Protein backbone atom coordinates (compact mmCIF):
# COMPACT_ATOMS: atom_id res chain seq x y z
CA UNK A 1 -21.04 13.75 -28.76
CA UNK A 2 -23.46 11.59 -27.09
CA UNK A 3 -23.33 10.25 -23.82
CA UNK A 4 -24.97 7.04 -22.22
CA UNK A 5 -26.84 6.80 -18.91
CA UNK A 6 -29.31 4.15 -18.42
CA UNK A 7 -32.08 5.80 -18.80
CA UNK A 8 -30.62 8.74 -20.10
CA UNK A 9 -29.71 9.94 -23.49
CA UNK A 10 -28.09 13.66 -24.12
CA UNK A 11 -26.93 14.70 -28.06
CA UNK A 12 -24.89 17.75 -27.48
CA UNK A 13 -23.45 17.84 -30.76
CA UNK A 14 -25.12 17.88 -34.29
CA UNK A 15 -23.62 14.60 -35.43
CA UNK A 16 -27.01 13.42 -33.77
CA UNK A 17 -29.08 15.09 -36.93
CA UNK A 18 -29.83 14.09 -40.44
CA UNK A 19 -27.66 14.64 -42.78
CA UNK A 20 -30.24 13.66 -46.03
CA UNK A 21 -34.24 14.79 -47.15
CA UNK A 22 -34.34 11.20 -46.52
CA UNK A 23 -33.80 10.98 -42.94
CA UNK A 24 -35.39 11.69 -39.66
CA UNK A 25 -34.09 13.60 -37.28
CA UNK A 26 -35.43 11.40 -34.57
CA UNK A 27 -34.88 8.65 -36.63
CA UNK A 28 -31.25 9.44 -37.17
CA UNK A 29 -31.44 10.19 -33.07
CA UNK A 30 -32.23 6.63 -32.25
CA UNK A 31 -29.83 4.76 -34.70
CA UNK A 32 -27.55 7.18 -32.89
CA UNK A 33 -28.13 5.58 -29.25
CA UNK A 34 -28.32 2.54 -30.58
CA UNK A 35 -25.20 2.10 -31.02
CA UNK A 36 -24.22 3.94 -27.72
CA UNK A 37 -26.18 1.97 -25.97
CA UNK A 38 -24.60 -1.66 -27.88
CA UNK A 39 -21.13 0.17 -26.33
CA UNK A 40 -21.92 0.47 -24.26
CA UNK A 41 -23.25 -2.81 -23.11
CA UNK A 42 -20.40 -4.41 -25.07
CA UNK A 43 -18.17 -2.02 -22.34
CA UNK A 44 -20.53 -3.36 -18.94
CA UNK A 45 -19.94 -7.39 -20.59
CA UNK A 46 -16.43 -7.03 -20.17
CA UNK A 47 -16.28 -5.57 -16.66
CA UNK A 48 -18.84 -8.59 -15.81
CA UNK A 49 -16.73 -10.70 -17.93
CA UNK A 50 -15.07 -13.42 -15.72
CA UNK A 51 -11.13 -13.46 -16.59
CA UNK A 52 -11.60 -10.28 -19.26
CA UNK A 53 -8.72 -7.74 -18.40
CA UNK A 54 -10.54 -4.51 -17.64
CA UNK A 55 -12.26 -6.48 -14.80
CA UNK A 56 -9.34 -7.26 -13.73
CA UNK A 57 -8.56 -3.36 -13.75
CA UNK A 58 -11.77 -1.89 -11.80
CA UNK A 59 -11.23 -4.97 -9.46
CA UNK A 60 -7.59 -3.76 -8.40
CA UNK A 61 -8.42 -0.49 -9.12
CA UNK A 62 -10.73 -0.81 -6.08
CA UNK A 63 -8.54 -3.30 -4.22
CA UNK A 64 -5.55 -1.62 -4.49
CA UNK A 65 -6.35 2.16 -4.92
CA UNK A 66 -9.27 1.94 -2.25
CA UNK A 67 -8.10 -0.96 0.24
CA UNK A 68 -11.39 -2.64 -0.27
CA UNK A 69 -12.31 -6.05 -1.30
CA UNK A 70 -14.01 -7.47 -4.03
CA UNK A 71 -16.96 -9.88 -3.58
CA UNK A 72 -18.32 -9.69 -6.96
CA UNK A 73 -18.67 -7.96 -10.69
CA UNK A 74 -21.83 -8.46 -11.57
CA UNK A 75 -23.96 -7.67 -15.37
CA UNK A 76 -27.40 -6.12 -14.32
CA UNK A 77 -28.69 -6.77 -17.39
CA UNK A 78 -29.52 -5.48 -20.53
CA UNK A 79 -27.40 -3.28 -21.28
CA UNK A 80 -28.05 -1.62 -18.03
CA UNK A 81 -25.26 -1.66 -16.24
CA UNK A 82 -22.44 -3.43 -13.82
CA UNK A 83 -22.61 -3.73 -9.89
CA UNK A 84 -19.45 -4.49 -8.05
CA UNK A 85 -20.33 -4.95 -4.52
CA UNK A 86 -17.26 -4.85 -2.20
CA UNK A 87 -16.39 -5.04 1.62
CA UNK A 88 -14.77 -2.92 3.58
CA UNK A 89 -12.72 -3.97 6.63
CA UNK A 90 -11.86 -0.85 7.72
CA UNK A 91 -14.19 2.86 9.46
CA UNK A 92 -11.69 4.57 7.41
CA UNK A 93 -12.94 2.48 3.76
CA UNK A 94 -16.62 3.86 4.48
CA UNK A 95 -15.09 7.19 5.05
CA UNK A 96 -13.52 7.41 2.16
CA UNK A 97 -16.42 6.08 -0.12
CA UNK A 98 -18.52 9.24 1.57
CA UNK A 99 -15.54 12.05 1.39
CA UNK A 100 -15.40 10.67 -2.35
CA UNK A 101 -19.12 10.25 -3.23
CA UNK A 102 -20.25 9.65 -7.04
CA UNK A 103 -19.07 12.46 -8.70
CA UNK A 104 -15.33 11.02 -7.91
CA UNK A 105 -16.18 7.74 -8.04
CA UNK A 106 -17.42 7.76 -11.45
CA UNK A 107 -14.80 10.04 -12.82
CA UNK A 108 -11.65 6.98 -11.70
CA UNK A 109 -13.66 4.68 -13.36
CA UNK A 110 -13.89 6.48 -16.71
CA UNK A 111 -9.73 6.62 -16.26
CA UNK A 112 -9.96 3.12 -15.44
CA UNK A 113 -11.83 2.04 -18.25
CA UNK A 114 -10.42 4.94 -20.96
CA UNK A 115 -7.07 3.53 -19.85
CA UNK A 116 -7.58 -0.39 -20.77
CA UNK A 117 -9.95 0.10 -23.38
CA UNK A 118 -9.43 2.79 -24.80
CA UNK A 119 -13.09 3.91 -24.33
CA UNK A 120 -14.23 7.68 -23.76
CA UNK A 121 -17.22 7.06 -20.86
CA UNK A 122 -19.31 9.03 -18.90
CA UNK A 123 -20.23 6.93 -15.97
CA UNK A 124 -23.65 6.98 -13.48
CA UNK A 125 -22.78 6.10 -10.63
CA UNK A 126 -24.26 4.65 -7.17
CA UNK A 127 -23.21 3.87 -3.85
CA UNK A 128 -26.12 2.38 -1.85
CA UNK A 129 -26.26 4.08 1.30
CA UNK A 130 -28.11 2.21 3.58
CA UNK A 131 -25.18 -0.36 2.51
CA UNK A 132 -22.52 1.90 3.49
CA UNK A 133 -24.16 2.80 6.59
CA UNK A 134 -24.68 -1.29 7.70
CA UNK A 135 -20.42 -1.20 7.10
CA UNK A 136 -20.24 1.88 9.42
CA UNK A 137 -22.06 0.68 11.56
CA UNK A 138 -20.89 -3.44 11.97
CA UNK A 139 -17.17 -1.67 11.75
CA UNK A 140 -17.58 0.23 14.71
CA UNK A 141 -19.43 -1.99 16.67
CA UNK A 142 -22.56 -0.83 16.92
């Protein structure tokens, strides 16, 4: 199994190791990394694509399951990921992001992608703490 996260590659099985004498282990691993990177880039592009079913499902997750408004979904370019920008309209929305943190958010989005696209993925999710603090201040009237 090879999992791809932008900037990181992990190999956890023999599948990446060359099976012939003419192929190097490094060459096999590079091809595997290229394949995984291409697949991830395709998934990210689909999430960022206007009108795609996967984008709709991701937006639905944020809006219906988390109760926030999706302002925009945009590609971070070069197969490096997708940014989902949301608007929290109540303090409890911000509190929930703080409580759940990135692990729960990643797990939830992995399930959304698996259900919509049939792809088993592992996501590396980042929350912008500065934006969360700003939203919290604005919602509390400070």
